[in-house]
């Protein structure tokens, strides 16, 4: 694992933790992903401004959260089918 991937993982975990502990959100959802789906236009603008080098950070974070959720569900379905 590269140092860049390591830092990215730490940042992602921190975002999810803050989303759960402070915003009472879902544990597998990042703050950025939540900003895309939630009615928080000001917060979304601020977060997107923080990640100014990305076109629409909150939207891509949302779809990344969805991608990970689908992968998790597929893996869980596969494990369940082997054990039943």
PDB file of N, CA and C in Angstrom:
ATOM      1  N   UNK A   1       0.848  -1.176   0.000  1.00  0.00           N
ATOM      2  CA  UNK A   1       0.000   0.000   0.000  1.00  0.00           C
ATOM      3  C   UNK A   1       0.893   1.240   0.000  1.00  0.00           C
ATOM      4  N   UNK A   2       0.550   2.157  -0.866  1.00  0.00           N
ATOM      5  CA  UNK A   2       1.329   3.389  -0.939  1.00  0.00           C
ATOM      6  C   UNK A   2       0.904   4.338   0.181  1.00  0.00           C
ATOM      7  N   UNK A   3       1.761   5.278   0.467  1.00  0.00           N
ATOM      8  CA  UNK A   3       1.461   6.258   1.505  1.00  0.00           C
ATOM      9  C   UNK A   3       0.237   7.089   1.118  1.00  0.00           C
ATOM     10  N   UNK A   4       0.100   7.390  -0.174  1.00  0.00           N
ATOM     11  CA  UNK A   4      -1.043   8.168  -0.655  1.00  0.00           C
ATOM     12  C   UNK A   4      -2.351   7.408  -0.407  1.00  0.00           C
ATOM     13  N   UNK A   5      -2.359   6.094  -0.685  1.00  0.00           N
ATOM     14  CA  UNK A   5      -3.554   5.286  -0.434  1.00  0.00           C
ATOM     15  C   UNK A   5      -3.844   5.206   1.066  1.00  0.00           C
ATOM     16  N   UNK A   6      -2.784   5.106   1.850  1.00  0.00           N
ATOM     17  CA  UNK A   6      -2.933   5.061   3.301  1.00  0.00           C
ATOM     18  C   UNK A   6      -3.616   6.332   3.807  1.00  0.00           C
ATOM     19  N   UNK A   7      -3.120   7.490   3.373  1.00  0.00           N
ATOM     20  CA  UNK A   7      -3.719   8.761   3.794  1.00  0.00           C
ATOM     21  C   UNK A   7      -5.152   8.905   3.307  1.00  0.00           C
ATOM     22  N   UNK A   8      -5.413   8.431   2.099  1.00  0.00           N
ATOM     23  CA  UNK A   8      -6.763   8.474   1.548  1.00  0.00           C
ATOM     24  C   UNK A   8      -7.712   7.637   2.407  1.00  0.00           C
ATOM     25  N   UNK A   9      -7.253   6.474   2.857  1.00  0.00           N
ATOM     26  CA  UNK A   9      -8.061   5.623   3.720  1.00  0.00           C
ATOM     27  C   UNK A   9      -8.331   6.261   5.073  1.00  0.00           C
ATOM     28  N   UNK A  10      -7.305   6.904   5.628  1.00  0.00           N
ATOM     29  CA  UNK A  10      -7.474   7.609   6.912  1.00  0.00           C
ATOM     30  C   UNK A  10      -8.491   8.742   6.758  1.00  0.00           C
ATOM     31  N   UNK A  11      -8.380   9.504   5.681  1.00  0.00           N
ATOM     32  CA  UNK A  11      -9.309  10.604   5.428  1.00  0.00           C
ATOM     33  C   UNK A  11     -10.734  10.088   5.267  1.00  0.00           C
ATOM     34  N   UNK A  12     -10.890   8.998   4.517  1.00  0.00           N
ATOM     35  CA  UNK A  12     -12.209   8.415   4.293  1.00  0.00           C
ATOM     36  C   UNK A  12     -12.817   7.924   5.607  1.00  0.00           C
ATOM     37  N   UNK A  13     -12.033   7.239   6.414  1.00  0.00           N
ATOM     38  CA  UNK A  13     -12.516   6.744   7.706  1.00  0.00           C
ATOM     39  C   UNK A  13     -12.908   7.905   8.618  1.00  0.00           C
ATOM     40  N   UNK A  14     -12.127   8.969   8.597  1.00  0.00           N
ATOM     41  CA  UNK A  14     -12.435  10.148   9.416  1.00  0.00           C
ATOM     42  C   UNK A  14     -13.749  10.786   8.983  1.00  0.00           C
ATOM     43  N   UNK A  15     -13.956  10.849   7.672  1.00  0.00           N
ATOM     44  CA  UNK A  15     -15.192  11.422   7.138  1.00  0.00           C
ATOM     45  C   UNK A  15     -16.397  10.587   7.557  1.00  0.00           C
ATOM     46  N   UNK A  16     -16.267   9.275   7.470  1.00  0.00           N
ATOM     47  CA  UNK A  16     -17.365   8.404   7.873  1.00  0.00           C
ATOM     48  C   UNK A  16     -17.615   8.495   9.376  1.00  0.00           C
ATOM     49  N   UNK A  17     -16.545   8.550  10.157  1.00  0.00           N
ATOM     50  CA  UNK A  17     -16.696   8.657  11.605  1.00  0.00           C
ATOM     51  C   UNK A  17     -17.431   9.950  11.972  1.00  0.00           C
ATOM     52  N   UNK A  18     -16.998  11.065  11.382  1.00  0.00           N
ATOM     53  CA  UNK A  18     -17.632  12.354  11.664  1.00  0.00           C
ATOM     54  C   UNK A  18     -19.103  12.326  11.251  1.00  0.00           C
ATOM     55  N   UNK A  19     -19.384  11.696  10.107  1.00  0.00           N
ATOM     56  CA  UNK A  19     -20.757  11.589   9.629  1.00  0.00           C
ATOM     57  C   UNK A  19     -21.632  10.853  10.640  1.00  0.00           C
ATOM     58  N   UNK A  20     -21.091   9.813  11.279  1.00  0.00           N
ATOM     59  CA  UNK A  20     -21.853   9.037  12.253  1.00  0.00           C
ATOM     60  C   UNK A  20     -21.901   9.737  13.611  1.00  0.00           C
ATOM     61  N   UNK A  21     -20.730  10.117  14.124  1.00  0.00           N
ATOM     62  CA  UNK A  21     -20.632  10.644  15.491  1.00  0.00           C
ATOM     63  C   UNK A  21     -21.263  12.021  15.654  1.00  0.00           C
ATOM     64  N   UNK A  22     -21.117  12.866  14.670  1.00  0.00           N
ATOM     65  CA  UNK A  22     -21.589  14.250  14.806  1.00  0.00           C
ATOM     66  C   UNK A  22     -22.901  14.490  14.053  1.00  0.00           C
ATOM     67  N   UNK A  23     -22.986  13.950  12.832  1.00  0.00           N
ATOM     68  CA  UNK A  23     -24.166  14.205  11.997  1.00  0.00           C
ATOM     69  C   UNK A  23     -25.222  13.107  12.086  1.00  0.00           C
ATOM     70  N   UNK A  24     -24.918  12.060  12.873  1.00  0.00           N
ATOM     71  CA  UNK A  24     -25.840  10.936  13.079  1.00  0.00           C
ATOM     72  C   UNK A  24     -26.255  10.272  11.762  1.00  0.00           C
ATOM     73  N   UNK A  25     -25.282  10.146  10.856  1.00  0.00           N
ATOM     74  CA  UNK A  25     -25.542   9.546   9.551  1.00  0.00           C
ATOM     75  C   UNK A  25     -25.223   8.060   9.504  1.00  0.00           C
ATOM     76  N   UNK A  26     -25.280   7.506   8.321  1.00  0.00           N
ATOM     77  CA  UNK A  26     -24.998   6.083   8.100  1.00  0.00           C
ATOM     78  C   UNK A  26     -23.490   5.847   8.154  1.00  0.00           C
ATOM     79  N   UNK A  27     -23.053   4.748   8.787  1.00  0.00           N
ATOM     80  CA  UNK A  27     -21.616   4.506   8.969  1.00  0.00           C
ATOM     81  C   UNK A  27     -20.818   4.286   7.674  1.00  0.00           C
ATOM     82  N   UNK A  28     -21.480   3.923   6.602  1.00  0.00           N
ATOM     83  CA  UNK A  28     -20.751   3.685   5.355  1.00  0.00           C
ATOM     84  C   UNK A  28     -20.926   4.824   4.353  1.00  0.00           C
ATOM     85  N   UNK A  29     -21.280   5.980   4.851  1.00  0.00           N
ATOM     86  CA  UNK A  29     -21.486   7.138   3.979  1.00  0.00           C
ATOM     87  C   UNK A  29     -20.527   8.244   4.385  1.00  0.00           C
ATOM     88  N   UNK A  30     -19.858   8.813   3.410  1.00  0.00           N
ATOM     89  CA  UNK A  30     -18.943   9.918   3.690  1.00  0.00           C
ATOM     90  C   UNK A  30     -19.735  11.224   3.800  1.00  0.00           C
ATOM     91  N   UNK A  31     -19.122  12.209   4.400  1.00  0.00           N
ATOM     92  CA  UNK A  31     -19.768  13.524   4.497  1.00  0.00           C
ATOM     93  C   UNK A  31     -20.008  14.087   3.101  1.00  0.00           C
ATOM     94  N   UNK A  32     -19.014  13.952   2.236  1.00  0.00           N
ATOM     95  CA  UNK A  32     -19.149  14.477   0.872  1.00  0.00           C
ATOM     96  C   UNK A  32     -20.289  13.801   0.124  1.00  0.00           C
ATOM     97  N   UNK A  33     -20.364  12.474   0.229  1.00  0.00           N
ATOM     98  CA  UNK A  33     -21.444  11.741  -0.431  1.00  0.00           C
ATOM     99  C   UNK A  33     -22.802  12.136   0.115  1.00  0.00           C
ATOM    100  N   UNK A  34     -22.849  12.346   1.410  1.00  0.00           N
ATOM    101  CA  UNK A  34     -24.108  12.758   2.035  1.00  0.00           C
ATOM    102  C   UNK A  34     -24.518  14.151   1.574  1.00  0.00           C
ATOM    103  N   UNK A  35     -23.546  15.023   1.380  1.00  0.00           N
ATOM    104  CA  UNK A  35     -23.854  16.386   0.910  1.00  0.00           C
ATOM    105  C   UNK A  35     -24.502  16.373  -0.469  1.00  0.00           C
ATOM    106  N   UNK A  36     -24.141  15.393  -1.296  1.00  0.00           N
ATOM    107  CA  UNK A  36     -24.734  15.324  -2.636  1.00  0.00           C
ATOM    108  C   UNK A  36     -26.214  14.976  -2.563  1.00  0.00           C
ATOM    109  N   UNK A  37     -26.581  14.056  -1.676  1.00  0.00           N
ATOM    110  CA  UNK A  37     -27.971  13.614  -1.605  1.00  0.00           C
ATOM    111  C   UNK A  37     -28.835  14.410  -0.646  1.00  0.00           C
ATOM    112  N   UNK A  38     -28.221  15.089   0.298  1.00  0.00           N
ATOM    113  CA  UNK A  38     -28.985  15.828   1.306  1.00  0.00           C
ATOM    114  C   UNK A  38     -29.328  17.234   0.807  1.00  0.00           C
ATOM    115  N   UNK A  39     -30.361  17.807   1.367  1.00  0.00           N
ATOM    116  CA  UNK A  39     -30.725  19.177   0.974  1.00  0.00           C
ATOM    117  C   UNK A  39     -29.860  20.223   1.693  1.00  0.00           C
ATOM    118  N   UNK A  40     -28.563  20.152   1.456  1.00  0.00           N
ATOM    119  CA  UNK A  40     -27.608  21.072   2.078  1.00  0.00           C
ATOM    120  C   UNK A  40     -26.818  21.809   0.995  1.00  0.00           C
ATOM    121  N   UNK A  41     -27.440  22.695   0.237  1.00  0.00           N
ATOM    122  CA  UNK A  41     -26.729  23.323  -0.883  1.00  0.00           C
ATOM    123  C   UNK A  41     -25.499  24.137  -0.458  1.00  0.00           C
ATOM    124  N   UNK A  42     -25.582  24.837   0.664  1.00  0.00           N
ATOM    125  CA  UNK A  42     -24.418  25.621   1.114  1.00  0.00           C
ATOM    126  C   UNK A  42     -23.259  24.716   1.500  1.00  0.00           C
ATOM    127  N   UNK A  43     -23.572  23.666   2.248  1.00  0.00           N
ATOM    128  CA  UNK A  43     -22.530  22.729   2.679  1.00  0.00           C
ATOM    129  C   UNK A  43     -21.897  22.058   1.472  1.00  0.00           C
ATOM    130  N   UNK A  44     -22.717  21.682   0.496  1.00  0.00           N
ATOM    131  CA  UNK A  44     -22.198  21.059  -0.722  1.00  0.00           C
ATOM    132  C   UNK A  44     -21.248  22.016  -1.447  1.00  0.00           C
ATOM    133  N   UNK A  45     -21.609  23.281  -1.522  1.00  0.00           N
ATOM    134  CA  UNK A  45     -20.732  24.267  -2.178  1.00  0.00           C
ATOM    135  C   UNK A  45     -19.407  24.403  -1.440  1.00  0.00           C
ATOM    136  N   UNK A  46     -19.456  24.403  -0.109  1.00  0.00           N
ATOM    137  CA  UNK A  46     -18.232  24.523   0.693  1.00  0.00           C
ATOM    138  C   UNK A  46     -17.342  23.304   0.487  1.00  0.00           C
ATOM    139  N   UNK A  47     -17.926  22.118   0.573  1.00  0.00           N
ATOM    140  CA  UNK A  47     -17.134  20.893   0.403  1.00  0.00           C
ATOM    141  C   UNK A  47     -16.549  20.845  -1.003  1.00  0.00           C
ATOM    142  N   UNK A  48     -17.344  21.149  -2.017  1.00  0.00           N
ATOM    143  CA  UNK A  48     -16.827  21.156  -3.389  1.00  0.00           C
ATOM    144  C   UNK A  48     -15.704  22.187  -3.554  1.00  0.00           C
ATOM    145  N   UNK A  49     -15.812  23.315  -2.854  1.00  0.00           N
ATOM    146  CA  UNK A  49     -14.760  24.337  -2.922  1.00  0.00           C
ATOM    147  C   UNK A  49     -13.472  23.842  -2.268  1.00  0.00           C
ATOM    148  N   UNK A  50     -13.599  23.047  -1.186  1.00  0.00           N
ATOM    149  CA  UNK A  50     -12.409  22.486  -0.539  1.00  0.00           C
ATOM    150  C   UNK A  50     -11.653  21.540  -1.478  1.00  0.00           C
ATOM    151  N   UNK A  51     -12.397  20.858  -2.332  1.00  0.00           N
ATOM    152  CA  UNK A  51     -11.810  19.939  -3.307  1.00  0.00           C
ATOM    153  C   UNK A  51     -11.901  20.574  -4.699  1.00  0.00           C
ATOM    154  N   UNK A  52     -11.387  21.773  -4.818  1.00  0.00           N
ATOM    155  CA  UNK A  52     -11.526  22.588  -6.027  1.00  0.00           C
ATOM    156  C   UNK A  52     -10.944  21.942  -7.274  1.00  0.00           C
ATOM    157  N   UNK A  53     -10.012  21.007  -7.128  1.00  0.00           N
ATOM    158  CA  UNK A  53      -9.384  20.372  -8.291  1.00  0.00           C
ATOM    159  C   UNK A  53     -10.268  19.272  -8.892  1.00  0.00           C
ATOM    160  N   UNK A  54     -11.376  18.929  -8.219  1.00  0.00           N
ATOM    161  CA  UNK A  54     -12.313  17.947  -8.750  1.00  0.00           C
ATOM    162  C   UNK A  54     -13.556  18.672  -9.260  1.00  0.00           C
ATOM    163  N   UNK A  55     -14.132  18.160 -10.341  1.00  0.00           N
ATOM    164  CA  UNK A  55     -15.269  18.843 -10.966  1.00  0.00           C
ATOM    165  C   UNK A  55     -16.470  18.937 -10.023  1.00  0.00           C
ATOM    166  N   UNK A  56     -16.967  17.859  -9.518  1.00  0.00           N
ATOM    167  CA  UNK A  56     -18.081  17.863  -8.570  1.00  0.00           C
ATOM    168  C   UNK A  56     -17.765  16.789  -7.535  1.00  0.00           C
ATOM    169  N   UNK A  57     -16.966  17.162  -6.543  1.00  0.00           N
ATOM    170  CA  UNK A  57     -16.466  16.209  -5.558  1.00  0.00           C
ATOM    171  C   UNK A  57     -17.597  15.469  -4.849  1.00  0.00           C
ATOM    172  N   UNK A  58     -18.627  16.178  -4.424  1.00  0.00           N
ATOM    173  CA  UNK A  58     -19.712  15.548  -3.669  1.00  0.00           C
ATOM    174  C   UNK A  58     -20.436  14.502  -4.511  1.00  0.00           C
ATOM    175  N   UNK A  59     -20.648  14.798  -5.774  1.00  0.00           N
ATOM    176  CA  UNK A  59     -21.320  13.837  -6.655  1.00  0.00           C
ATOM    177  C   UNK A  59     -20.460  12.590  -6.851  1.00  0.00           C
ATOM    178  N   UNK A  60     -19.179  12.773  -7.105  1.00  0.00           N
ATOM    179  CA  UNK A  60     -18.315  11.604  -7.299  1.00  0.00           C
ATOM    180  C   UNK A  60     -18.166  10.821  -5.996  1.00  0.00           C
ATOM    181  N   UNK A  61     -18.156  11.505  -4.846  1.00  0.00           N
ATOM    182  CA  UNK A  61     -18.087  10.816  -3.555  1.00  0.00           C
ATOM    183  C   UNK A  61     -19.354   9.992  -3.318  1.00  0.00           C
ATOM    184  N   UNK A  62     -20.488  10.552  -3.690  1.00  0.00           N
ATOM    185  CA  UNK A  62     -21.757   9.827  -3.543  1.00  0.00           C
ATOM    186  C   UNK A  62     -21.728   8.535  -4.356  1.00  0.00           C
ATOM    187  N   UNK A  63     -21.343   8.645  -5.631  1.00  0.00           N
ATOM    188  CA  UNK A  63     -21.311   7.450  -6.474  1.00  0.00           C
ATOM    189  C   UNK A  63     -20.221   6.472  -6.043  1.00  0.00           C
ATOM    190  N   UNK A  64     -19.155   6.970  -5.451  1.00  0.00           N
ATOM    191  CA  UNK A  64     -18.139   6.089  -4.895  1.00  0.00           C
ATOM    192  C   UNK A  64     -18.700   5.331  -3.687  1.00  0.00           C
ATOM    193  N   UNK A  65     -19.461   6.008  -2.839  1.00  0.00           N
ATOM    194  CA  UNK A  65     -20.119   5.354  -1.702  1.00  0.00           C
ATOM    195  C   UNK A  65     -21.073   4.260  -2.204  1.00  0.00           C
ATOM    196  N   UNK A  66     -21.828   4.567  -3.255  1.00  0.00           N
ATOM    197  CA  UNK A  66     -22.766   3.595  -3.831  1.00  0.00           C
ATOM    198  C   UNK A  66     -22.004   2.391  -4.396  1.00  0.00           C
ATOM    199  N   UNK A  67     -20.896   2.662  -5.075  1.00  0.00           N
ATOM    200  CA  UNK A  67     -20.083   1.585  -5.658  1.00  0.00           C
ATOM    201  C   UNK A  67     -19.591   0.637  -4.570  1.00  0.00           C
ATOM    202  N   UNK A  68     -19.079   1.199  -3.469  1.00  0.00           N
ATOM    203  CA  UNK A  68     -18.597   0.371  -2.367  1.00  0.00           C
ATOM    204  C   UNK A  68     -19.728  -0.412  -1.718  1.00  0.00           C
ATOM    205  N   UNK A  69     -20.909   0.191  -1.603  1.00  0.00           N
ATOM    206  CA  UNK A  69     -22.058  -0.504  -1.011  1.00  0.00           C
ATOM    207  C   UNK A  69     -22.474  -1.689  -1.877  1.00  0.00           C
ATOM    208  N   UNK A  70     -22.499  -1.488  -3.202  1.00  0.00           N
ATOM    209  CA  UNK A  70     -22.847  -2.588  -4.111  1.00  0.00           C
ATOM    210  C   UNK A  70     -21.827  -3.710  -4.020  1.00  0.00           C
ATOM    211  N   UNK A  71     -20.549  -3.374  -3.973  1.00  0.00           N
ATOM    212  CA  UNK A  71     -19.497  -4.390  -3.866  1.00  0.00           C
ATOM    213  C   UNK A  71     -19.646  -5.168  -2.558  1.00  0.00           C
ATOM    214  N   UNK A  72     -19.956  -4.475  -1.478  1.00  0.00           N
ATOM    215  CA  UNK A  72     -20.153  -5.129  -0.183  1.00  0.00           C
ATOM    216  C   UNK A  72     -21.336  -6.084  -0.237  1.00  0.00           C
ATOM    217  N   UNK A  73     -22.450  -5.634  -0.824  1.00  0.00           N
ATOM    218  CA  UNK A  73     -23.637  -6.479  -0.908  1.00  0.00           C
ATOM    219  C   UNK A  73     -23.389  -7.711  -1.773  1.00  0.00           C
ATOM    220  N   UNK A  74     -22.673  -7.537  -2.871  1.00  0.00           N
ATOM    221  CA  UNK A  74     -22.346  -8.676  -3.738  1.00  0.00           C
ATOM    222  C   UNK A  74     -21.475  -9.686  -3.000  1.00  0.00           C
ATOM    223  N   UNK A  75     -20.482  -9.212  -2.281  1.00  0.00           N
ATOM    224  CA  UNK A  75     -19.596 -10.106  -1.526  1.00  0.00           C
ATOM    225  C   UNK A  75     -20.378 -10.820  -0.435  1.00  0.00           C
ATOM    226  N   UNK A  76     -21.279 -10.113   0.234  1.00  0.00           N
ATOM    227  CA  UNK A  76     -22.076 -10.710   1.281  1.00  0.00           C
ATOM    228  C   UNK A  76     -23.022 -11.775   0.711  1.00  0.00           C
ATOM    229  N   UNK A  77     -23.604 -11.489  -0.472  1.00  0.00           N
ATOM    230  CA  UNK A  77     -24.497 -12.442  -1.114  1.00  0.00           C
ATOM    231  C   UNK A  77     -23.725 -13.713  -1.494  1.00  0.00           C
ATOM    232  N   UNK A  78     -22.513 -13.531  -1.981  1.00  0.00           N
ATOM    233  CA  UNK A  78     -21.687 -14.672  -2.368  1.00  0.00           C
ATOM    234  C   UNK A  78     -21.354 -15.542  -1.157  1.00  0.00           C
ATOM    235  N   UNK A  79     -20.979 -14.913  -0.059  1.00  0.00           N
ATOM    236  CA  UNK A  79     -20.646 -15.659   1.161  1.00  0.00           C
ATOM    237  C   UNK A  79     -21.894 -16.388   1.673  1.00  0.00           C
ATOM    238  N   UNK A  80     -23.034 -15.708   1.663  1.00  0.00           N
ATOM    239  CA  UNK A  80     -24.288 -16.315   2.143  1.00  0.00           C
ATOM    240  C   UNK A  80     -24.686 -17.519   1.303  1.00  0.00           C
ATOM    241  N   UNK A  81     -24.481 -17.440   0.000  1.00  0.00           N
ATOM    242  CA  UNK A  81     -24.864 -18.557  -0.867  1.00  0.00           C
ATOM    243  C   UNK A  81     -23.957 -19.773  -0.628  1.00  0.00           C
ATOM    244  N   UNK A  82     -22.722 -19.555  -0.239  1.00  0.00           N
ATOM    245  CA  UNK A  82     -21.801 -20.665   0.044  1.00  0.00           C
ATOM    246  C   UNK A  82     -22.118 -21.333   1.370  1.00  0.00           C
ATOM    247  N   UNK A  83     -22.655 -20.591   2.319  1.00  0.00           N
ATOM    248  CA  UNK A  83     -22.899 -21.149   3.648  1.00  0.00           C
ATOM    249  C   UNK A  83     -24.285 -21.737   3.804  1.00  0.00           C
ATOM    250  N   UNK A  84     -25.171 -21.508   2.826  1.00  0.00           N
ATOM    251  CA  UNK A  84     -26.524 -22.070   2.975  1.00  0.00           C
ATOM    252  C   UNK A  84     -26.705 -23.330   2.177  1.00  0.00           C
TER     253      UNK A  84
END
